[in-house]
Amino acid sequence: MRPLIFGLFAGLLWMNALAAPPGQRTFTGVITDSMCANGNHSNMRMGPTDAECTVACVSIHGAMYVLYDGKDAYTLSDQKTPEKFAGKKATVTGTLDAKTKTIRVDSIAAAK
């Protein structure tokens, strides 16, 4: 009986390992910029909307796109795709480097 249970357990672990790359997670928050990392654009106001301010801070002032989850801001490794989600809630799938607070982005989609 024990070999059967061990075999089932080992099989489940193997299937789980194949389901997602190691360390890959899903993060949800607002796509903003590193100059307004908490999503508050009232001080910068580089445009009439949060989205326009975010894009302007990145393109004009050299800021980086970040994902703000309400607590922490994470720099995104992909600095092209986030533009279309600027100022909006999005879900980012990727691997977090906790030391640099950078997400190696695999995908970005509008949050549901």
PDB file of N, CA and C in Angstrom:
ATOM      1  N   MET A   1       0.815  -1.189   0.000  1.00  0.00           N
ATOM      2  CA  MET A   1       0.000   0.000   0.000  1.00  0.00           C
ATOM      3  C   MET A   1       0.866   1.264   0.000  1.00  0.00           C
ATOM      4  N   ARG A   2       1.959   1.239   0.781  1.00  0.00           N
ATOM      5  CA  ARG A   2       2.826   2.420   0.837  1.00  0.00           C
ATOM      6  C   ARG A   2       3.437   2.768  -0.510  1.00  0.00           C
ATOM      7  N   PRO A   3       3.917   1.792  -1.288  1.00  0.00           N
ATOM      8  CA  PRO A   3       4.464   2.153  -2.601  1.00  0.00           C
ATOM      9  C   PRO A   3       3.423   2.834  -3.493  1.00  0.00           C
ATOM     10  N   LEU A   4       2.168   2.410  -3.394  1.00  0.00           N
ATOM     11  CA  LEU A   4       1.104   3.021  -4.192  1.00  0.00           C
ATOM     12  C   LEU A   4       0.896   4.474  -3.780  1.00  0.00           C
ATOM     13  N   ILE A   5       0.834   4.728  -2.484  1.00  0.00           N
ATOM     14  CA  ILE A   5       0.644   6.095  -1.994  1.00  0.00           C
ATOM     15  C   ILE A   5       1.842   6.958  -2.379  1.00  0.00           C
ATOM     16  N   PHE A   6       3.048   6.402  -2.211  1.00  0.00           N
ATOM     17  CA  PHE A   6       4.240   7.150  -2.583  1.00  0.00           C
ATOM     18  C   PHE A   6       4.223   7.467  -4.078  1.00  0.00           C
ATOM     19  N   GLY A   7       3.837   6.505  -4.885  1.00  0.00           N
ATOM     20  CA  GLY A   7       3.777   6.697  -6.338  1.00  0.00           C
ATOM     21  C   GLY A   7       2.774   7.772  -6.723  1.00  0.00           C
ATOM     22  N   LEU A   8       1.600   7.782  -6.071  1.00  0.00           N
ATOM     23  CA  LEU A   8       0.599   8.811  -6.346  1.00  0.00           C
ATOM     24  C   LEU A   8       1.111  10.195  -5.933  1.00  0.00           C
ATOM     25  N   PHE A   9       1.733  10.250  -4.768  1.00  0.00           N
ATOM     26  CA  PHE A   9       2.282  11.508  -4.277  1.00  0.00           C
ATOM     27  C   PHE A   9       3.368  12.028  -5.224  1.00  0.00           C
ATOM     28  N   ALA A  10       4.272  11.158  -5.634  1.00  0.00           N
ATOM     29  CA  ALA A  10       5.350  11.549  -6.547  1.00  0.00           C
ATOM     30  C   ALA A  10       4.771  12.012  -7.885  1.00  0.00           C
ATOM     31  N   GLY A  11       3.739  11.335  -8.361  1.00  0.00           N
ATOM     32  CA  GLY A  11       3.089  11.734  -9.609  1.00  0.00           C
ATOM     33  C   GLY A  11       2.456  13.111  -9.511  1.00  0.00           C
ATOM     34  N   LEU A  12       1.797  13.394  -8.389  1.00  0.00           N
ATOM     35  CA  LEU A  12       1.201  14.712  -8.197  1.00  0.00           C
ATOM     36  C   LEU A  12       2.260  15.804  -8.155  1.00  0.00           C
ATOM     37  N   LEU A  13       3.376  15.541  -7.480  1.00  0.00           N
ATOM     38  CA  LEU A  13       4.465  16.512  -7.443  1.00  0.00           C
ATOM     39  C   LEU A  13       5.013  16.770  -8.843  1.00  0.00           C
ATOM     40  N   TRP A  14       5.162  15.736  -9.623  1.00  0.00           N
ATOM     41  CA  TRP A  14       5.683  15.861 -10.979  1.00  0.00           C
ATOM     42  C   TRP A  14       4.733  16.684 -11.846  1.00  0.00           C
ATOM     43  N   MET A  15       3.427  16.422 -11.744  1.00  0.00           N
ATOM     44  CA  MET A  15       2.441  17.174 -12.523  1.00  0.00           C
ATOM     45  C   MET A  15       2.459  18.643 -12.110  1.00  0.00           C
ATOM     46  N   ASN A  16       2.576  18.916 -10.822  1.00  0.00           N
ATOM     47  CA  ASN A  16       2.620  20.291 -10.332  1.00  0.00           C
ATOM     48  C   ASN A  16       3.863  21.009 -10.863  1.00  0.00           C
ATOM     49  N   ALA A  17       4.972  20.312 -10.926  1.00  0.00           N
ATOM     50  CA  ALA A  17       6.209  20.912 -11.423  1.00  0.00           C
ATOM     51  C   ALA A  17       6.087  21.292 -12.892  1.00  0.00           C
ATOM     52  N   LEU A  18       5.327  20.543 -13.654  1.00  0.00           N
ATOM     53  CA  LEU A  18       5.142  20.835 -15.071  1.00  0.00           C
ATOM     54  C   LEU A  18       4.129  21.949 -15.311  1.00  0.00           C
ATOM     55  N   ALA A  19       3.272  22.221 -14.363  1.00  0.00           N
ATOM     56  CA  ALA A  19       2.177  23.175 -14.547  1.00  0.00           C
ATOM     57  C   ALA A  19       2.658  24.612 -14.697  1.00  0.00           C
ATOM     58  N   ALA A  20       3.662  25.035 -13.984  1.00  0.00           N
ATOM     59  CA  ALA A  20       4.138  26.408 -14.059  1.00  0.00           C
ATOM     60  C   ALA A  20       5.650  26.426 -13.875  1.00  0.00           C
ATOM     61  N   PRO A  21       6.291  27.346 -14.576  1.00  0.00           N
ATOM     62  CA  PRO A  21       7.736  27.461 -14.385  1.00  0.00           C
ATOM     63  C   PRO A  21       8.061  27.785 -12.934  1.00  0.00           C
ATOM     64  N   PRO A  22       9.210  27.361 -12.460  1.00  0.00           N
ATOM     65  CA  PRO A  22       9.574  27.624 -11.073  1.00  0.00           C
ATOM     66  C   PRO A  22       9.617  29.123 -10.783  1.00  0.00           C
ATOM     67  N   GLY A  23       8.985  29.509  -9.698  1.00  0.00           N
ATOM     68  CA  GLY A  23       9.005  30.899  -9.288  1.00  0.00           C
ATOM     69  C   GLY A  23       8.012  31.798  -9.981  1.00  0.00           C
ATOM     70  N   GLN A  24       7.338  31.308 -11.001  1.00  0.00           N
ATOM     71  CA  GLN A  24       6.384  32.147 -11.723  1.00  0.00           C
ATOM     72  C   GLN A  24       5.164  32.406 -10.850  1.00  0.00           C
ATOM     73  N   ARG A  25       4.760  33.677 -10.793  1.00  0.00           N
ATOM     74  CA  ARG A  25       3.607  34.089  -9.992  1.00  0.00           C
ATOM     75  C   ARG A  25       2.751  35.061 -10.778  1.00  0.00           C
ATOM     76  N   THR A  26       1.595  35.354 -10.215  1.00  0.00           N
ATOM     77  CA  THR A  26       0.700  36.348 -10.791  1.00  0.00           C
ATOM     78  C   THR A  26       0.590  37.515  -9.821  1.00  0.00           C
ATOM     79  N   PHE A  27       0.731  38.732 -10.347  1.00  0.00           N
ATOM     80  CA  PHE A  27       0.660  39.956  -9.567  1.00  0.00           C
ATOM     81  C   PHE A  27      -0.430  40.832 -10.165  1.00  0.00           C
ATOM     82  N   THR A  28      -1.227  41.460  -9.330  1.00  0.00           N
ATOM     83  CA  THR A  28      -2.284  42.342  -9.821  1.00  0.00           C
ATOM     84  C   THR A  28      -2.131  43.708  -9.160  1.00  0.00           C
ATOM     85  N   GLY A  29      -2.257  44.743  -9.958  1.00  0.00           N
ATOM     86  CA  GLY A  29      -2.147  46.105  -9.458  1.00  0.00           C
ATOM     87  C   GLY A  29      -2.302  47.094 -10.590  1.00  0.00           C
ATOM     88  N   VAL A  30      -1.908  48.320 -10.342  1.00  0.00           N
ATOM     89  CA  VAL A  30      -2.019  49.391 -11.327  1.00  0.00           C
ATOM     90  C   VAL A  30      -0.661  49.593 -11.992  1.00  0.00           C
ATOM     91  N   ILE A  31      -0.670  49.702 -13.313  1.00  0.00           N
ATOM     92  CA  ILE A  31       0.549  50.012 -14.049  1.00  0.00           C
ATOM     93  C   ILE A  31       0.761  51.521 -13.934  1.00  0.00           C
ATOM     94  N   THR A  32       1.860  51.900 -13.315  1.00  0.00           N
ATOM     95  CA  THR A  32       2.191  53.307 -13.134  1.00  0.00           C
ATOM     96  C   THR A  32       3.675  53.465 -13.442  1.00  0.00           C
ATOM     97  N   ASP A  33       4.283  54.533 -12.947  1.00  0.00           N
ATOM     98  CA  ASP A  33       5.693  54.764 -13.236  1.00  0.00           C
ATOM     99  C   ASP A  33       6.476  54.930 -11.944  1.00  0.00           C
ATOM    100  N   SER A  34       7.778  54.813 -12.046  1.00  0.00           N
ATOM    101  CA  SER A  34       8.628  54.858 -10.855  1.00  0.00           C
ATOM    102  C   SER A  34       8.676  56.235 -10.204  1.00  0.00           C
ATOM    103  N   MET A  35       8.298  57.279 -10.912  1.00  0.00           N
ATOM    104  CA  MET A  35       8.255  58.616 -10.314  1.00  0.00           C
ATOM    105  C   MET A  35       6.981  58.807  -9.490  1.00  0.00           C
ATOM    106  N   CYS A  36       5.932  58.103  -9.855  1.00  0.00           N
ATOM    107  CA  CYS A  36       4.650  58.144  -9.144  1.00  0.00           C
ATOM    108  C   CYS A  36       4.299  56.710  -8.769  1.00  0.00           C
ATOM    109  N   ALA A  37       5.225  56.052  -8.089  1.00  0.00           N
ATOM    110  CA  ALA A  37       5.144  54.610  -7.864  1.00  0.00           C
ATOM    111  C   ALA A  37       3.920  54.157  -7.087  1.00  0.00           C
ATOM    112  N   ASN A  38       3.295  55.050  -6.314  1.00  0.00           N
ATOM    113  CA  ASN A  38       2.097  54.646  -5.576  1.00  0.00           C
ATOM    114  C   ASN A  38       0.831  54.946  -6.366  1.00  0.00           C
ATOM    115  N   GLY A  39       0.986  55.343  -7.627  1.00  0.00           N
ATOM    116  CA  GLY A  39      -0.167  55.596  -8.493  1.00  0.00           C
ATOM    117  C   GLY A  39      -0.794  56.961  -8.298  1.00  0.00           C
ATOM    118  N   ASN A  40      -0.245  57.790  -7.406  1.00  0.00           N
ATOM    119  CA  ASN A  40      -0.772  59.124  -7.167  1.00  0.00           C
ATOM    120  C   ASN A  40      -0.031  60.112  -8.066  1.00  0.00           C
ATOM    121  N   HIS A  41      -0.720  60.622  -9.072  1.00  0.00           N
ATOM    122  CA  HIS A  41      -0.104  61.502 -10.060  1.00  0.00           C
ATOM    123  C   HIS A  41      -0.405  62.976  -9.793  1.00  0.00           C
ATOM    124  N   SER A  42      -0.994  63.290  -8.648  1.00  0.00           N
ATOM    125  CA  SER A  42      -1.407  64.669  -8.381  1.00  0.00           C
ATOM    126  C   SER A  42      -0.223  65.632  -8.294  1.00  0.00           C
ATOM    127  N   ASN A  43       0.942  65.157  -7.879  1.00  0.00           N
ATOM    128  CA  ASN A  43       2.110  66.044  -7.786  1.00  0.00           C
ATOM    129  C   ASN A  43       2.756  66.309  -9.130  1.00  0.00           C
ATOM    130  N   MET A  44       2.785  65.319  -9.996  1.00  0.00           N
ATOM    131  CA  MET A  44       3.443  65.463 -11.297  1.00  0.00           C
ATOM    132  C   MET A  44       2.496  66.060 -12.335  1.00  0.00           C
ATOM    133  N   ARG A  45       1.352  65.482 -12.456  1.00  0.00           N
ATOM    134  CA  ARG A  45       0.315  65.846 -13.418  1.00  0.00           C
ATOM    135  C   ARG A  45       0.904  66.239 -14.776  1.00  0.00           C
ATOM    136  N   MET A  46       1.536  65.251 -15.390  1.00  0.00           N
ATOM    137  CA  MET A  46       2.138  65.439 -16.709  1.00  0.00           C
ATOM    138  C   MET A  46       1.124  65.250 -17.835  1.00  0.00           C
ATOM    139  N   GLY A  47      -0.137  65.166 -17.484  1.00  0.00           N
ATOM    140  CA  GLY A  47      -1.220  65.025 -18.449  1.00  0.00           C
ATOM    141  C   GLY A  47      -2.520  65.011 -17.686  1.00  0.00           C
ATOM    142  N   PRO A  48      -3.638  65.117 -18.386  1.00  0.00           N
ATOM    143  CA  PRO A  48      -4.932  65.199 -17.711  1.00  0.00           C
ATOM    144  C   PRO A  48      -5.398  63.897 -17.051  1.00  0.00           C
ATOM    145  N   THR A  49      -4.785  62.766 -17.405  1.00  0.00           N
ATOM    146  CA  THR A  49      -5.188  61.489 -16.817  1.00  0.00           C
ATOM    147  C   THR A  49      -3.979  60.784 -16.230  1.00  0.00           C
ATOM    148  N   ASP A  50      -4.233  59.815 -15.362  1.00  0.00           N
ATOM    149  CA  ASP A  50      -3.141  59.020 -14.799  1.00  0.00           C
ATOM    150  C   ASP A  50      -2.371  58.301 -15.896  1.00  0.00           C
ATOM    151  N   ALA A  51      -3.086  57.806 -16.898  1.00  0.00           N
ATOM    152  CA  ALA A  51      -2.425  57.086 -17.991  1.00  0.00           C
ATOM    153  C   ALA A  51      -1.474  58.005 -18.749  1.00  0.00           C
ATOM    154  N   GLU A  52      -1.925  59.212 -19.080  1.00  0.00           N
ATOM    155  CA  GLU A  52      -1.074  60.150 -19.817  1.00  0.00           C
ATOM    156  C   GLU A  52       0.121  60.595 -18.981  1.00  0.00           C
ATOM    157  N   CYS A  53      -0.080  60.786 -17.682  1.00  0.00           N
ATOM    158  CA  CYS A  53       1.012  61.166 -16.790  1.00  0.00           C
ATOM    159  C   CYS A  53       2.046  60.043 -16.720  1.00  0.00           C
ATOM    160  N   THR A  54       1.568  58.816 -16.608  1.00  0.00           N
ATOM    161  CA  THR A  54       2.475  57.667 -16.545  1.00  0.00           C
ATOM    162  C   THR A  54       3.332  57.579 -17.798  1.00  0.00           C
ATOM    163  N   VAL A  55       2.704  57.653 -18.964  1.00  0.00           N
ATOM    164  CA  VAL A  55       3.437  57.550 -20.232  1.00  0.00           C
ATOM    165  C   VAL A  55       4.424  58.710 -20.368  1.00  0.00           C
ATOM    166  N   ALA A  56       4.010  59.911 -19.980  1.00  0.00           N
ATOM    167  CA  ALA A  56       4.897  61.072 -20.071  1.00  0.00           C
ATOM    168  C   ALA A  56       6.099  60.924 -19.140  1.00  0.00           C
ATOM    169  N   CYS A  57       5.869  60.459 -17.920  1.00  0.00           N
ATOM    170  CA  CYS A  57       6.986  60.285 -16.979  1.00  0.00           C
ATOM    171  C   CYS A  57       8.005  59.281 -17.507  1.00  0.00           C
ATOM    172  N   VAL A  58       7.512  58.249 -18.176  1.00  0.00           N
ATOM    173  CA  VAL A  58       8.419  57.237 -18.734  1.00  0.00           C
ATOM    174  C   VAL A  58       9.138  57.790 -19.958  1.00  0.00           C
ATOM    175  N   SER A  59       8.410  58.392 -20.887  1.00  0.00           N
ATOM    176  CA  SER A  59       9.020  58.818 -22.150  1.00  0.00           C
ATOM    177  C   SER A  59       9.830  60.102 -22.037  1.00  0.00           C
ATOM    178  N   ILE A  60       9.416  61.027 -21.178  1.00  0.00           N
ATOM    179  CA  ILE A  60      10.098  62.311 -21.082  1.00  0.00           C
ATOM    180  C   ILE A  60      11.130  62.348 -19.952  1.00  0.00           C
ATOM    181  N   HIS A  61      10.787  61.770 -18.819  1.00  0.00           N
ATOM    182  CA  HIS A  61      11.638  61.881 -17.638  1.00  0.00           C
ATOM    183  C   HIS A  61      12.462  60.635 -17.335  1.00  0.00           C
ATOM    184  N   GLY A  62      12.354  59.614 -18.169  1.00  0.00           N
ATOM    185  CA  GLY A  62      13.166  58.410 -17.976  1.00  0.00           C
ATOM    186  C   GLY A  62      12.725  57.512 -16.836  1.00  0.00           C
ATOM    187  N   ALA A  63      11.484  57.678 -16.373  1.00  0.00           N
ATOM    188  CA  ALA A  63      10.959  56.790 -15.332  1.00  0.00           C
ATOM    189  C   ALA A  63      10.772  55.392 -15.917  1.00  0.00           C
ATOM    190  N   MET A  64      10.556  54.430 -15.048  1.00  0.00           N
ATOM    191  CA  MET A  64      10.324  53.044 -15.468  1.00  0.00           C
ATOM    192  C   MET A  64       8.884  52.672 -15.179  1.00  0.00           C
ATOM    193  N   TYR A  65       8.319  51.804 -16.018  1.00  0.00           N
ATOM    194  CA  TYR A  65       6.992  51.267 -15.725  1.00  0.00           C
ATOM    195  C   TYR A  65       7.096  50.338 -14.526  1.00  0.00           C
ATOM    196  N   VAL A  66       6.150  50.477 -13.604  1.00  0.00           N
ATOM    197  CA  VAL A  66       6.087  49.619 -12.431  1.00  0.00           C
ATOM    198  C   VAL A  66       4.659  49.133 -12.237  1.00  0.00           C
ATOM    199  N   LEU A  67       4.539  48.075 -11.468  1.00  0.00           N
ATOM    200  CA  LEU A  67       3.228  47.580 -11.052  1.00  0.00           C
ATOM    201  C   LEU A  67       3.092  47.899  -9.571  1.00  0.00           C
ATOM    202  N   TYR A  68       2.058  48.665  -9.215  1.00  0.00           N
ATOM    203  CA  TYR A  68       1.814  49.011  -7.821  1.00  0.00           C
ATOM    204  C   TYR A  68       0.621  48.189  -7.337  1.00  0.00           C
ATOM    205  N   ASP A  69       0.849  47.344  -6.335  1.00  0.00           N
ATOM    206  CA  ASP A  69      -0.199  46.434  -5.856  1.00  0.00           C
ATOM    207  C   ASP A  69      -0.964  46.970  -4.644  1.00  0.00           C
ATOM    208  N   GLY A  70      -0.776  48.249  -4.336  1.00  0.00           N
ATOM    209  CA  GLY A  70      -1.436  48.843  -3.184  1.00  0.00           C
ATOM    210  C   GLY A  70      -0.525  48.914  -1.976  1.00  0.00           C
ATOM    211  N   LYS A  71       0.588  48.183  -2.053  1.00  0.00           N
ATOM    212  CA  LYS A  71       1.559  48.168  -0.961  1.00  0.00           C
ATOM    213  C   LYS A  71       2.969  48.403  -1.482  1.00  0.00           C
ATOM    214  N   ASP A  72       3.341  47.666  -2.516  1.00  0.00           N
ATOM    215  CA  ASP A  72       4.686  47.731  -3.072  1.00  0.00           C
ATOM    216  C   ASP A  72       4.639  48.030  -4.565  1.00  0.00           C
ATOM    217  N   ALA A  73       5.711  48.652  -5.048  1.00  0.00           N
ATOM    218  CA  ALA A  73       5.878  48.897  -6.482  1.00  0.00           C
ATOM    219  C   ALA A  73       6.978  47.976  -6.992  1.00  0.00           C
ATOM    220  N   TYR A  74       6.702  47.301  -8.094  1.00  0.00           N
ATOM    221  CA  TYR A  74       7.651  46.366  -8.691  1.00  0.00           C
ATOM    222  C   TYR A  74       8.019  46.851 -10.091  1.00  0.00           C
ATOM    223  N   THR A  75       9.300  47.031 -10.345  1.00  0.00           N
ATOM    224  CA  THR A  75       9.760  47.401 -11.678  1.00  0.00           C
ATOM    225  C   THR A  75       9.467  46.241 -12.620  1.00  0.00           C
ATOM    226  N   LEU A  76       9.067  46.555 -13.841  1.00  0.00           N
ATOM    227  CA  LEU A  76       8.741  45.529 -14.832  1.00  0.00           C
ATOM    228  C   LEU A  76       9.887  45.401 -15.823  1.00  0.00           C
ATOM    229  N   SER A  77      10.318  44.179 -16.096  1.00  0.00           N
ATOM    230  CA  SER A  77      11.420  43.952 -17.027  1.00  0.00           C
ATOM    231  C   SER A  77      11.031  44.358 -18.448  1.00  0.00           C
ATOM    232  N   ASP A  78       9.789  44.187 -18.801  1.00  0.00           N
ATOM    233  CA  ASP A  78       9.267  44.580 -20.112  1.00  0.00           C
ATOM    234  C   ASP A  78       8.837  46.037 -19.995  1.00  0.00           C
ATOM    235  N   GLN A  79       9.466  46.924 -20.729  1.00  0.00           N
ATOM    236  CA  GLN A  79       9.142  48.341 -20.658  1.00  0.00           C
ATOM    237  C   GLN A  79       8.393  48.828 -21.896  1.00  0.00           C
ATOM    238  N   LYS A  80       7.920  47.916 -22.742  1.00  0.00           N
ATOM    239  CA  LYS A  80       7.144  48.306 -23.932  1.00  0.00           C
ATOM    240  C   LYS A  80       5.669  47.980 -23.755  1.00  0.00           C
ATOM    241  N   THR A  81       5.375  46.740 -23.390  1.00  0.00           N
ATOM    242  CA  THR A  81       3.987  46.288 -23.256  1.00  0.00           C
ATOM    243  C   THR A  81       3.188  47.088 -22.227  1.00  0.00           C
ATOM    244  N   PRO A  82       3.764  47.488 -21.088  1.00  0.00           N
ATOM    245  CA  PRO A  82       2.967  48.185 -20.078  1.00  0.00           C
ATOM    246  C   PRO A  82       2.340  49.501 -20.549  1.00  0.00           C
ATOM    247  N   GLU A  83       2.870  50.105 -21.596  1.00  0.00           N
ATOM    248  CA  GLU A  83       2.336  51.398 -22.053  1.00  0.00           C
ATOM    249  C   GLU A  83       0.837  51.330 -22.332  1.00  0.00           C
ATOM    250  N   LYS A  84       0.384  50.241 -22.943  1.00  0.00           N
ATOM    251  CA  LYS A  84      -1.043  50.158 -23.265  1.00  0.00           C
ATOM    252  C   LYS A  84      -1.917  49.905 -22.041  1.00  0.00           C
ATOM    253  N   PHE A  85      -1.296  49.589 -20.896  1.00  0.00           N
ATOM    254  CA  PHE A  85      -2.031  49.380 -19.646  1.00  0.00           C
ATOM    255  C   PHE A  85      -1.786  50.514 -18.642  1.00  0.00           C
ATOM    256  N   ALA A  86      -1.102  51.566 -19.070  1.00  0.00           N
ATOM    257  CA  ALA A  86      -0.745  52.674 -18.181  1.00  0.00           C
ATOM    258  C   ALA A  86      -1.983  53.247 -17.492  1.00  0.00           C
ATOM    259  N   GLY A  87      -1.888  53.395 -16.165  1.00  0.00           N
ATOM    260  CA  GLY A  87      -2.981  53.960 -15.382  1.00  0.00           C
ATOM    261  C   GLY A  87      -4.130  53.010 -15.134  1.00  0.00           C
ATOM    262  N   LYS A  88      -3.996  51.764 -15.580  1.00  0.00           N
ATOM    263  CA  LYS A  88      -5.076  50.781 -15.455  1.00  0.00           C
ATOM    264  C   LYS A  88      -4.644  49.617 -14.579  1.00  0.00           C
ATOM    265  N   LYS A  89      -5.646  48.914 -14.061  1.00  0.00           N
ATOM    266  CA  LYS A  89      -5.392  47.710 -13.276  1.00  0.00           C
ATOM    267  C   LYS A  89      -5.047  46.576 -14.241  1.00  0.00           C
ATOM    268  N   ALA A  90      -3.963  45.876 -13.933  1.00  0.00           N
ATOM    269  CA  ALA A  90      -3.486  44.809 -14.810  1.00  0.00           C
ATOM    270  C   ALA A  90      -3.003  43.623 -13.987  1.00  0.00           C
ATOM    271  N   THR A  91      -2.917  42.492 -14.655  1.00  0.00           N
ATOM    272  CA  THR A  91      -2.360  41.286 -14.061  1.00  0.00           C
ATOM    273  C   THR A  91      -1.077  40.961 -14.805  1.00  0.00           C
ATOM    274  N   VAL A  92      -0.002  40.847 -14.052  1.00  0.00           N
ATOM    275  CA  VAL A  92       1.313  40.538 -14.613  1.00  0.00           C
ATOM    276  C   VAL A  92       1.704  39.144 -14.148  1.00  0.00           C
ATOM    277  N   THR A  93       2.090  38.314 -15.080  1.00  0.00           N
ATOM    278  CA  THR A  93       2.595  36.986 -14.753  1.00  0.00           C
ATOM    279  C   THR A  93       4.090  36.999 -15.014  1.00  0.00           C
ATOM    280  N   GLY A  94       4.846  36.531 -14.021  1.00  0.00           N
ATOM    281  CA  GLY A  94       6.285  36.520 -14.177  1.00  0.00           C
ATOM    282  C   GLY A  94       6.974  36.042 -12.911  1.00  0.00           C
ATOM    283  N   THR A  95       8.272  36.240 -12.887  1.00  0.00           N
ATOM    284  CA  THR A  95       9.101  35.793 -11.771  1.00  0.00           C
ATOM    285  C   THR A  95       9.663  37.017 -11.052  1.00  0.00           C
ATOM    286  N   LEU A  96       9.489  37.055  -9.745  1.00  0.00           N
ATOM    287  CA  LEU A  96       9.943  38.184  -8.940  1.00  0.00           C
ATOM    288  C   LEU A  96      11.373  37.990  -8.466  1.00  0.00           C
ATOM    289  N   ASP A  97      12.186  39.013  -8.687  1.00  0.00           N
ATOM    290  CA  ASP A  97      13.506  39.088  -8.065  1.00  0.00           C
ATOM    291  C   ASP A  97      13.301  39.962  -6.830  1.00  0.00           C
ATOM    292  N   ALA A  98      13.177  39.337  -5.671  1.00  0.00           N
ATOM    293  CA  ALA A  98      12.848  40.057  -4.439  1.00  0.00           C
ATOM    294  C   ALA A  98      13.920  41.072  -4.056  1.00  0.00           C
ATOM    295  N   LYS A  99      15.158  40.789  -4.396  1.00  0.00           N
ATOM    296  CA  LYS A  99      16.254  41.694  -4.030  1.00  0.00           C
ATOM    297  C   LYS A  99      16.129  43.035  -4.758  1.00  0.00           C
ATOM    298  N   THR A 100      15.783  43.010  -6.040  1.00  0.00           N
ATOM    299  CA  THR A 100      15.676  44.243  -6.823  1.00  0.00           C
ATOM    300  C   THR A 100      14.229  44.712  -6.988  1.00  0.00           C
ATOM    301  N   LYS A 101      13.282  43.921  -6.484  1.00  0.00           N
ATOM    302  CA  LYS A 101      11.847  44.205  -6.634  1.00  0.00           C
ATOM    303  C   LYS A 101      11.478  44.396  -8.107  1.00  0.00           C
ATOM    304  N   THR A 102      12.023  43.490  -8.937  1.00  0.00           N
ATOM    305  CA  THR A 102      11.759  43.508 -10.370  1.00  0.00           C
ATOM    306  C   THR A 102      11.039  42.232 -10.764  1.00  0.00           C
ATOM    307  N   ILE A 103       9.988  42.377 -11.560  1.00  0.00           N
ATOM    308  CA  ILE A 103       9.270  41.217 -12.095  1.00  0.00           C
ATOM    309  C   ILE A 103       9.778  40.966 -13.509  1.00  0.00           C
ATOM    310  N   ARG A 104      10.306  39.751 -13.732  1.00  0.00           N
ATOM    311  CA  ARG A 104      10.650  39.330 -15.096  1.00  0.00           C
ATOM    312  C   ARG A 104       9.334  38.937 -15.735  1.00  0.00           C
ATOM    313  N   VAL A 105       8.846  39.779 -16.624  1.00  0.00           N
ATOM    314  CA  VAL A 105       7.503  39.668 -17.170  1.00  0.00           C
ATOM    315  C   VAL A 105       7.406  38.576 -18.231  1.00  0.00           C
ATOM    316  N   ASP A 106       6.404  37.695 -18.033  1.00  0.00           N
ATOM    317  CA  ASP A 106       6.055  36.717 -19.064  1.00  0.00           C
ATOM    318  C   ASP A 106       4.837  37.196 -19.833  1.00  0.00           C
ATOM    319  N   SER A 107       3.886  37.833 -19.125  1.00  0.00           N
ATOM    320  CA  SER A 107       2.701  38.357 -19.792  1.00  0.00           C
ATOM    321  C   SER A 107       2.042  39.441 -18.950  1.00  0.00           C
ATOM    322  N   ILE A 108       1.304  40.310 -19.634  1.00  0.00           N
ATOM    323  CA  ILE A 108       0.522  41.360 -18.983  1.00  0.00           C
ATOM    324  C   ILE A 108      -0.854  41.360 -19.630  1.00  0.00           C
ATOM    325  N   ALA A 109      -1.887  41.410 -18.806  1.00  0.00           N
ATOM    326  CA  ALA A 109      -3.255  41.432 -19.309  1.00  0.00           C
ATOM    327  C   ALA A 109      -4.090  42.355 -18.421  1.00  0.00           C
ATOM    328  N   ALA A 110      -5.188  42.851 -18.980  1.00  0.00           N
ATOM    329  CA  ALA A 110      -6.107  43.663 -18.185  1.00  0.00           C
ATOM    330  C   ALA A 110      -6.641  42.802 -17.048  1.00  0.00           C
ATOM    331  N   ALA A 111      -6.709  43.383 -15.858  1.00  0.00           N
ATOM    332  CA  ALA A 111      -7.219  42.635 -14.696  1.00  0.00           C
ATOM    333  C   ALA A 111      -8.713  42.461 -14.837  1.00  0.00           C
ATOM    334  N   LYS A 112      -9.194  41.342 -14.332  1.00  0.00           N
ATOM    335  CA  LYS A 112     -10.628  41.060 -14.385  1.00  0.00           C
ATOM    336  C   LYS A 112     -11.310  41.589 -13.160  1.00  0.00           C
TER     337      LYS A 112
END
